[in-house]
Amino acid sequence: MQESLDNLTQRLRQAETATIKERLQVLYWLKQDNPPSISAIAKALGKHRSTIQTWLSLYRYGGVTAMLEIKKSPGGVRVIGQ
């Protein structure tokens, strides 16, 4: 992990959305001297273990920028028929 604990702390304080804060929190916990397990992190955040693994995979391959990128579904506009 390239980010320092201080850097992660600062980014956590500046996080604008809950989603970004959760993802940064995962990195923060894993940077601790005695980090919790992925399962414990998932339980603390109320997420599935595979979701946390997906975030960490994004981080591994693209760094913090890739991990924090929130993609929106390209779905079309819903129309209620009559």
PDB file of N, CA and C in Angstrom:
ATOM      1  N   MET A   1       0.850  -1.180   0.000  1.00  0.00           N
ATOM      2  CA  MET A   1       0.000   0.000   0.000  1.00  0.00           C
ATOM      3  C   MET A   1       0.891   1.236   0.000  1.00  0.00           C
ATOM      4  N   GLN A   2       0.681   2.108  -0.979  1.00  0.00           N
ATOM      5  CA  GLN A   2       1.562   3.264  -1.125  1.00  0.00           C
ATOM      6  C   GLN A   2       1.198   4.415  -0.189  1.00  0.00           C
ATOM      7  N   GLU A   3      -0.074   4.545   0.157  1.00  0.00           N
ATOM      8  CA  GLU A   3      -0.522   5.689   0.947  1.00  0.00           C
ATOM      9  C   GLU A   3      -0.089   5.561   2.401  1.00  0.00           C
ATOM     10  N   SER A   4       0.280   6.698   2.988  1.00  0.00           N
ATOM     11  CA  SER A   4       0.649   6.709   4.402  1.00  0.00           C
ATOM     12  C   SER A   4      -0.621   6.818   5.241  1.00  0.00           C
ATOM     13  N   LEU A   5      -0.488   6.482   6.508  1.00  0.00           N
ATOM     14  CA  LEU A   5      -1.615   6.570   7.430  1.00  0.00           C
ATOM     15  C   LEU A   5      -2.102   8.018   7.532  1.00  0.00           C
ATOM     16  N   ASP A   6      -1.153   8.969   7.563  1.00  0.00           N
ATOM     17  CA  ASP A   6      -1.519  10.388   7.634  1.00  0.00           C
ATOM     18  C   ASP A   6      -2.280  10.832   6.388  1.00  0.00           C
ATOM     19  N   ASN A   7      -1.824  10.383   5.225  1.00  0.00           N
ATOM     20  CA  ASN A   7      -2.483  10.725   3.965  1.00  0.00           C
ATOM     21  C   ASN A   7      -3.916  10.188   3.960  1.00  0.00           C
ATOM     22  N   LEU A   8      -4.084   8.930   4.381  1.00  0.00           N
ATOM     23  CA  LEU A   8      -5.425   8.333   4.423  1.00  0.00           C
ATOM     24  C   LEU A   8      -6.328   9.056   5.417  1.00  0.00           C
ATOM     25  N   THR A   9      -5.767   9.445   6.561  1.00  0.00           N
ATOM     26  CA  THR A   9      -6.543  10.180   7.568  1.00  0.00           C
ATOM     27  C   THR A   9      -7.043  11.498   6.991  1.00  0.00           C
ATOM     28  N   GLN A  10      -6.172  12.204   6.300  1.00  0.00           N
ATOM     29  CA  GLN A  10      -6.541  13.482   5.696  1.00  0.00           C
ATOM     30  C   GLN A  10      -7.616  13.288   4.626  1.00  0.00           C
ATOM     31  N   ARG A  11      -7.450  12.271   3.783  1.00  0.00           N
ATOM     32  CA  ARG A  11      -8.435  12.015   2.732  1.00  0.00           C
ATOM     33  C   ARG A  11      -9.785  11.612   3.318  1.00  0.00           C
ATOM     34  N   LEU A  12      -9.759  10.862   4.424  1.00  0.00           N
ATOM     35  CA  LEU A  12     -11.007  10.471   5.083  1.00  0.00           C
ATOM     36  C   LEU A  12     -11.768  11.709   5.565  1.00  0.00           C
ATOM     37  N   ARG A  13     -11.039  12.671   6.128  1.00  0.00           N
ATOM     38  CA  ARG A  13     -11.675  13.910   6.611  1.00  0.00           C
ATOM     39  C   ARG A  13     -12.288  14.717   5.476  1.00  0.00           C
ATOM     40  N   GLN A  14     -11.671  14.639   4.290  1.00  0.00           N
ATOM     41  CA  GLN A  14     -12.125  15.438   3.156  1.00  0.00           C
ATOM     42  C   GLN A  14     -13.117  14.702   2.262  1.00  0.00           C
ATOM     43  N   ALA A  15     -13.411  13.443   2.576  1.00  0.00           N
ATOM     44  CA  ALA A  15     -14.314  12.647   1.741  1.00  0.00           C
ATOM     45  C   ALA A  15     -15.672  13.321   1.640  1.00  0.00           C
ATOM     46  N   GLU A  16     -16.173  13.420   0.414  1.00  0.00           N
ATOM     47  CA  GLU A  16     -17.430  14.129   0.181  1.00  0.00           C
ATOM     48  C   GLU A  16     -18.656  13.234   0.256  1.00  0.00           C
ATOM     49  N   THR A  17     -18.486  11.945  -0.026  1.00  0.00           N
ATOM     50  CA  THR A  17     -19.636  11.050   0.002  1.00  0.00           C
ATOM     51  C   THR A  17     -19.361   9.875   0.936  1.00  0.00           C
ATOM     52  N   ALA A  18     -20.438   9.245   1.376  1.00  0.00           N
ATOM     53  CA  ALA A  18     -20.308   8.086   2.263  1.00  0.00           C
ATOM     54  C   ALA A  18     -19.608   6.935   1.559  1.00  0.00           C
ATOM     55  N   THR A  19     -19.854   6.771   0.268  1.00  0.00           N
ATOM     56  CA  THR A  19     -19.246   5.680  -0.494  1.00  0.00           C
ATOM     57  C   THR A  19     -17.732   5.830  -0.532  1.00  0.00           C
ATOM     58  N   ILE A  20     -17.262   7.024  -0.806  1.00  0.00           N
ATOM     59  CA  ILE A  20     -15.816   7.274  -0.845  1.00  0.00           C
ATOM     60  C   ILE A  20     -15.218   7.072   0.539  1.00  0.00           C
ATOM     61  N   LYS A  21     -15.917   7.527   1.556  1.00  0.00           N
ATOM     62  CA  LYS A  21     -15.431   7.388   2.923  1.00  0.00           C
ATOM     63  C   LYS A  21     -15.287   5.915   3.306  1.00  0.00           C
ATOM     64  N   GLU A  22     -16.259   5.097   2.924  1.00  0.00           N
ATOM     65  CA  GLU A  22     -16.188   3.661   3.222  1.00  0.00           C
ATOM     66  C   GLU A  22     -14.968   3.019   2.567  1.00  0.00           C
ATOM     67  N   ARG A  23     -14.732   3.359   1.328  1.00  0.00           N
ATOM     68  CA  ARG A  23     -13.613   2.763   0.596  1.00  0.00           C
ATOM     69  C   ARG A  23     -12.271   3.196   1.184  1.00  0.00           C
ATOM     70  N   LEU A  24     -12.165   4.460   1.563  1.00  0.00           N
ATOM     71  CA  LEU A  24     -10.944   4.938   2.205  1.00  0.00           C
ATOM     72  C   LEU A  24     -10.763   4.293   3.576  1.00  0.00           C
ATOM     73  N   GLN A  25     -11.873   4.075   4.274  1.00  0.00           N
ATOM     74  CA  GLN A  25     -11.828   3.453   5.602  1.00  0.00           C
ATOM     75  C   GLN A  25     -11.223   2.049   5.527  1.00  0.00           C
ATOM     76  N   VAL A  26     -11.558   1.314   4.469  1.00  0.00           N
ATOM     77  CA  VAL A  26     -10.992  -0.024   4.270  1.00  0.00           C
ATOM     78  C   VAL A  26      -9.461   0.064   4.207  1.00  0.00           C
ATOM     79  N   LEU A  27      -8.954   0.984   3.396  1.00  0.00           N
ATOM     80  CA  LEU A  27      -7.502   1.145   3.282  1.00  0.00           C
ATOM     81  C   LEU A  27      -6.890   1.566   4.613  1.00  0.00           C
ATOM     82  N   TYR A  28      -7.582   2.455   5.317  1.00  0.00           N
ATOM     83  CA  TYR A  28      -7.095   2.936   6.616  1.00  0.00           C
ATOM     84  C   TYR A  28      -6.958   1.770   7.598  1.00  0.00           C
ATOM     85  N   TRP A  29      -7.995   0.940   7.673  1.00  0.00           N
ATOM     86  CA  TRP A  29      -7.954  -0.200   8.602  1.00  0.00           C
ATOM     87  C   TRP A  29      -6.848  -1.173   8.229  1.00  0.00           C
ATOM     88  N   LEU A  30      -6.653  -1.410   6.933  1.00  0.00           N
ATOM     89  CA  LEU A  30      -5.623  -2.354   6.506  1.00  0.00           C
ATOM     90  C   LEU A  30      -4.210  -1.817   6.719  1.00  0.00           C
ATOM     91  N   LYS A  31      -4.085  -0.514   6.877  1.00  0.00           N
ATOM     92  CA  LYS A  31      -2.778   0.122   7.091  1.00  0.00           C
ATOM     93  C   LYS A  31      -2.373   0.059   8.572  1.00  0.00           C
ATOM     94  N   GLN A  32      -3.295  -0.287   9.456  1.00  0.00           N
ATOM     95  CA  GLN A  32      -3.016  -0.353  10.887  1.00  0.00           C
ATOM     96  C   GLN A  32      -1.953  -1.410  11.186  1.00  0.00           C
ATOM     97  N   ASP A  33      -1.317  -1.296  12.348  1.00  0.00           N
ATOM     98  CA  ASP A  33      -0.298  -2.262  12.755  1.00  0.00           C
ATOM     99  C   ASP A  33      -0.874  -3.679  12.861  1.00  0.00           C
ATOM    100  N   ASN A  34      -2.088  -3.784  13.375  1.00  0.00           N
ATOM    101  CA  ASN A  34      -2.735  -5.080  13.522  1.00  0.00           C
ATOM    102  C   ASN A  34      -4.077  -5.021  12.791  1.00  0.00           C
ATOM    103  N   PRO A  35      -4.059  -5.127  11.458  1.00  0.00           N
ATOM    104  CA  PRO A  35      -5.292  -4.915  10.680  1.00  0.00           C
ATOM    105  C   PRO A  35      -6.333  -6.013  10.902  1.00  0.00           C
ATOM    106  N   PRO A  36      -7.609  -5.635  10.862  1.00  0.00           N
ATOM    107  CA  PRO A  36      -8.674  -6.632  10.970  1.00  0.00           C
ATOM    108  C   PRO A  36      -8.765  -7.462   9.694  1.00  0.00           C
ATOM    109  N   SER A  37      -9.477  -8.569   9.772  1.00  0.00           N
ATOM    110  CA  SER A  37      -9.658  -9.420   8.595  1.00  0.00           C
ATOM    111  C   SER A  37     -10.630  -8.747   7.621  1.00  0.00           C
ATOM    112  N   ILE A  38     -10.632  -9.212   6.384  1.00  0.00           N
ATOM    113  CA  ILE A  38     -11.557  -8.691   5.378  1.00  0.00           C
ATOM    114  C   ILE A  38     -12.994  -8.930   5.836  1.00  0.00           C
ATOM    115  N   SER A  39     -13.236 -10.091   6.429  1.00  0.00           N
ATOM    116  CA  SER A  39     -14.585 -10.408   6.921  1.00  0.00           C
ATOM    117  C   SER A  39     -15.017  -9.444   8.020  1.00  0.00           C
ATOM    118  N   ALA A  40     -14.095  -9.111   8.922  1.00  0.00           N
ATOM    119  CA  ALA A  40     -14.410  -8.168  10.005  1.00  0.00           C
ATOM    120  C   ALA A  40     -14.678  -6.770   9.450  1.00  0.00           C
ATOM    121  N   ILE A  41     -13.903  -6.365   8.455  1.00  0.00           N
ATOM    122  CA  ILE A  41     -14.115  -5.062   7.818  1.00  0.00           C
ATOM    123  C   ILE A  41     -15.478  -5.034   7.134  1.00  0.00           C
ATOM    124  N   ALA A  42     -15.790  -6.099   6.398  1.00  0.00           N
ATOM    125  CA  ALA A  42     -17.074  -6.178   5.695  1.00  0.00           C
ATOM    126  C   ALA A  42     -18.232  -6.080   6.677  1.00  0.00           C
ATOM    127  N   LYS A  43     -18.126  -6.786   7.791  1.00  0.00           N
ATOM    128  CA  LYS A  43     -19.192  -6.760   8.800  1.00  0.00           C
ATOM    129  C   LYS A  43     -19.341  -5.361   9.397  1.00  0.00           C
ATOM    130  N   ALA A  44     -18.210  -4.703   9.679  1.00  0.00           N
ATOM    131  CA  ALA A  44     -18.234  -3.355  10.258  1.00  0.00           C
ATOM    132  C   ALA A  44     -18.892  -2.344   9.315  1.00  0.00           C
ATOM    133  N   LEU A  45     -18.672  -2.525   8.006  1.00  0.00           N
ATOM    134  CA  LEU A  45     -19.239  -1.597   7.020  1.00  0.00           C
ATOM    135  C   LEU A  45     -20.629  -2.010   6.540  1.00  0.00           C
ATOM    136  N   GLY A  46     -21.044  -3.231   6.889  1.00  0.00           N
ATOM    137  CA  GLY A  46     -22.346  -3.714   6.431  1.00  0.00           C
ATOM    138  C   GLY A  46     -22.334  -4.063   4.952  1.00  0.00           C
ATOM    139  N   LYS A  47     -21.190  -4.524   4.475  1.00  0.00           N
ATOM    140  CA  LYS A  47     -21.021  -4.908   3.068  1.00  0.00           C
ATOM    141  C   LYS A  47     -20.667  -6.387   3.002  1.00  0.00           C
ATOM    142  N   HIS A  48     -20.813  -6.977   1.825  1.00  0.00           N
ATOM    143  CA  HIS A  48     -20.406  -8.367   1.643  1.00  0.00           C
ATOM    144  C   HIS A  48     -18.893  -8.416   1.469  1.00  0.00           C
ATOM    145  N   ARG A  49     -18.303  -9.515   1.908  1.00  0.00           N
ATOM    146  CA  ARG A  49     -16.858  -9.702   1.804  1.00  0.00           C
ATOM    147  C   ARG A  49     -16.365  -9.549   0.361  1.00  0.00           C
ATOM    148  N   SER A  50     -17.145 -10.016  -0.592  1.00  0.00           N
ATOM    149  CA  SER A  50     -16.719  -9.922  -1.999  1.00  0.00           C
ATOM    150  C   SER A  50     -16.697  -8.472  -2.490  1.00  0.00           C
ATOM    151  N   THR A  51     -17.540  -7.627  -1.919  1.00  0.00           N
ATOM    152  CA  THR A  51     -17.523  -6.200  -2.275  1.00  0.00           C
ATOM    153  C   THR A  51     -16.194  -5.571  -1.855  1.00  0.00           C
ATOM    154  N   ILE A  52     -15.755  -5.891  -0.647  1.00  0.00           N
ATOM    155  CA  ILE A  52     -14.479  -5.363  -0.151  1.00  0.00           C
ATOM    156  C   ILE A  52     -13.337  -5.881  -1.025  1.00  0.00           C
ATOM    157  N   GLN A  53     -13.399  -7.155  -1.399  1.00  0.00           N
ATOM    158  CA  GLN A  53     -12.369  -7.734  -2.260  1.00  0.00           C
ATOM    159  C   GLN A  53     -12.330  -7.040  -3.620  1.00  0.00           C
ATOM    160  N   THR A  54     -13.501  -6.697  -4.153  1.00  0.00           N
ATOM    161  CA  THR A  54     -13.570  -5.982  -5.437  1.00  0.00           C
ATOM    162  C   THR A  54     -12.897  -4.622  -5.317  1.00  0.00           C
ATOM    163  N   TRP A  55     -13.184  -3.904  -4.237  1.00  0.00           N
ATOM    164  CA  TRP A  55     -12.560  -2.596  -4.022  1.00  0.00           C
ATOM    165  C   TRP A  55     -11.044  -2.727  -3.952  1.00  0.00           C
ATOM    166  N   LEU A  56     -10.575  -3.746  -3.226  1.00  0.00           N
ATOM    167  CA  LEU A  56      -9.131  -3.927  -3.079  1.00  0.00           C
ATOM    168  C   LEU A  56      -8.484  -4.334  -4.400  1.00  0.00           C
ATOM    169  N   SER A  57      -9.208  -5.079  -5.207  1.00  0.00           N
ATOM    170  CA  SER A  57      -8.704  -5.449  -6.530  1.00  0.00           C
ATOM    171  C   SER A  57      -8.554  -4.199  -7.400  1.00  0.00           C
ATOM    172  N   LEU A  58      -9.539  -3.318  -7.351  1.00  0.00           N
ATOM    173  CA  LEU A  58      -9.446  -2.052  -8.083  1.00  0.00           C
ATOM    174  C   LEU A  58      -8.233  -1.254  -7.612  1.00  0.00           C
ATOM    175  N   TYR A  59      -8.025  -1.246  -6.295  1.00  0.00           N
ATOM    176  CA  TYR A  59      -6.899  -0.520  -5.713  1.00  0.00           C
ATOM    177  C   TYR A  59      -5.574  -1.109  -6.198  1.00  0.00           C
ATOM    178  N   ARG A  60      -5.474  -2.446  -6.187  1.00  0.00           N
ATOM    179  CA  ARG A  60      -4.245  -3.117  -6.607  1.00  0.00           C
ATOM    180  C   ARG A  60      -3.859  -2.765  -8.023  1.00  0.00           C
ATOM    181  N   TYR A  61      -4.845  -2.704  -8.911  1.00  0.00           N
ATOM    182  CA  TYR A  61      -4.544  -2.494 -10.331  1.00  0.00           C
ATOM    183  C   TYR A  61      -4.552  -1.036 -10.775  1.00  0.00           C
ATOM    184  N   GLY A  62      -5.219  -0.166 -10.006  1.00  0.00           N
ATOM    185  CA  GLY A  62      -5.290   1.219 -10.451  1.00  0.00           C
ATOM    186  C   GLY A  62      -5.048   2.258  -9.378  1.00  0.00           C
ATOM    187  N   GLY A  63      -4.697   1.821  -8.173  1.00  0.00           N
ATOM    188  CA  GLY A  63      -4.437   2.764  -7.089  1.00  0.00           C
ATOM    189  C   GLY A  63      -5.716   3.339  -6.494  1.00  0.00           C
ATOM    190  N   VAL A  64      -5.537   4.353  -5.668  1.00  0.00           N
ATOM    191  CA  VAL A  64      -6.663   4.971  -4.975  1.00  0.00           C
ATOM    192  C   VAL A  64      -7.654   5.579  -5.963  1.00  0.00           C
ATOM    193  N   THR A  65      -7.155   6.170  -7.025  1.00  0.00           N
ATOM    194  CA  THR A  65      -8.030   6.805  -8.010  1.00  0.00           C
ATOM    195  C   THR A  65      -9.026   5.802  -8.578  1.00  0.00           C
ATOM    196  N   ALA A  66      -8.545   4.630  -8.964  1.00  0.00           N
ATOM    197  CA  ALA A  66      -9.424   3.603  -9.521  1.00  0.00           C
ATOM    198  C   ALA A  66     -10.401   3.088  -8.470  1.00  0.00           C
ATOM    199  N   MET A  67      -9.934   2.953  -7.243  1.00  0.00           N
ATOM    200  CA  MET A  67     -10.794   2.437  -6.176  1.00  0.00           C
ATOM    201  C   MET A  67     -11.927   3.408  -5.848  1.00  0.00           C
ATOM    202  N   LEU A  68     -11.645   4.692  -5.932  1.00  0.00           N
ATOM    203  CA  LEU A  68     -12.646   5.691  -5.559  1.00  0.00           C
ATOM    204  C   LEU A  68     -13.562   6.081  -6.710  1.00  0.00           C
ATOM    205  N   GLU A  69     -13.260   5.608  -7.919  1.00  0.00           N
ATOM    206  CA  GLU A  69     -14.094   5.938  -9.072  1.00  0.00           C
ATOM    207  C   GLU A  69     -15.434   5.215  -8.955  1.00  0.00           C
ATOM    208  N   ILE A  70     -16.496   5.988  -8.942  1.00  0.00           N
ATOM    209  CA  ILE A  70     -17.834   5.421  -8.817  1.00  0.00           C
ATOM    210  C   ILE A  70     -18.472   5.452 -10.195  1.00  0.00           C
ATOM    211  N   LYS A  71     -18.694   4.283 -10.728  1.00  0.00           N
ATOM    212  CA  LYS A  71     -19.270   4.202 -12.071  1.00  0.00           C
ATOM    213  C   LYS A  71     -20.783   4.197 -11.992  1.00  0.00           C
ATOM    214  N   LYS A  72     -21.393   4.927 -12.906  1.00  0.00           N
ATOM    215  CA  LYS A  72     -22.847   4.995 -12.959  1.00  0.00           C
ATOM    216  C   LYS A  72     -23.372   4.087 -14.059  1.00  0.00           C
ATOM    217  N   SER A  73     -24.489   3.486 -13.793  1.00  0.00           N
ATOM    218  CA  SER A  73     -25.120   2.600 -14.770  1.00  0.00           C
ATOM    219  C   SER A  73     -25.594   3.428 -15.958  1.00  0.00           C
ATOM    220  N   PRO A  74     -25.372   2.931 -17.179  1.00  0.00           N
ATOM    221  CA  PRO A  74     -25.767   3.684 -18.364  1.00  0.00           C
ATOM    222  C   PRO A  74     -27.237   3.509 -18.728  1.00  0.00           C
ATOM    223  N   GLY A  75     -28.006   2.931 -17.841  1.00  0.00           N
ATOM    224  CA  GLY A  75     -29.395   2.606 -18.127  1.00  0.00           C
ATOM    225  C   GLY A  75     -30.201   3.768 -18.713  1.00  0.00           C
ATOM    226  N   GLY A  76     -31.237   3.420 -19.453  1.00  0.00           N
ATOM    227  CA  GLY A  76     -32.066   4.436 -20.094  1.00  0.00           C
ATOM    228  C   GLY A  76     -33.093   5.020 -19.127  1.00  0.00           C
ATOM    229  N   VAL A  77     -33.797   6.014 -19.590  1.00  0.00           N
ATOM    230  CA  VAL A  77     -34.834   6.674 -18.803  1.00  0.00           C
ATOM    231  C   VAL A  77     -36.055   5.758 -18.755  1.00  0.00           C
ATOM    232  N   ARG A  78     -36.571   5.573 -17.584  1.00  0.00           N
ATOM    233  CA  ARG A  78     -37.739   4.704 -17.432  1.00  0.00           C
ATOM    234  C   ARG A  78     -39.006   5.461 -17.815  1.00  0.00           C
ATOM    235  N   VAL A  79     -39.843   4.783 -18.547  1.00  0.00           N
ATOM    236  CA  VAL A  79     -41.105   5.367 -18.958  1.00  0.00           C
ATOM    237  C   VAL A  79     -42.228   4.465 -18.477  1.00  0.00           C
ATOM    238  N   ILE A  80     -43.179   5.055 -17.802  1.00  0.00           N
ATOM    239  CA  ILE A  80     -44.325   4.277 -17.316  1.00  0.00           C
ATOM    240  C   ILE A  80     -45.379   4.271 -18.410  1.00  0.00           C
ATOM    241  N   GLY A  81     -45.711   3.081 -18.874  1.00  0.00           N
ATOM    242  CA  GLY A  81     -46.704   2.957 -19.943  1.00  0.00           C
ATOM    243  C   GLY A  81     -48.124   3.178 -19.422  1.00  0.00           C
ATOM    244  N   GLN A  82     -49.037   3.451 -20.353  1.00  0.00           N
ATOM    245  CA  GLN A  82     -50.418   3.723 -19.951  1.00  0.00           C
ATOM    246  C   GLN A  82     -51.323   2.577 -20.199  1.00  0.00           C
TER     247      GLN A  82
END
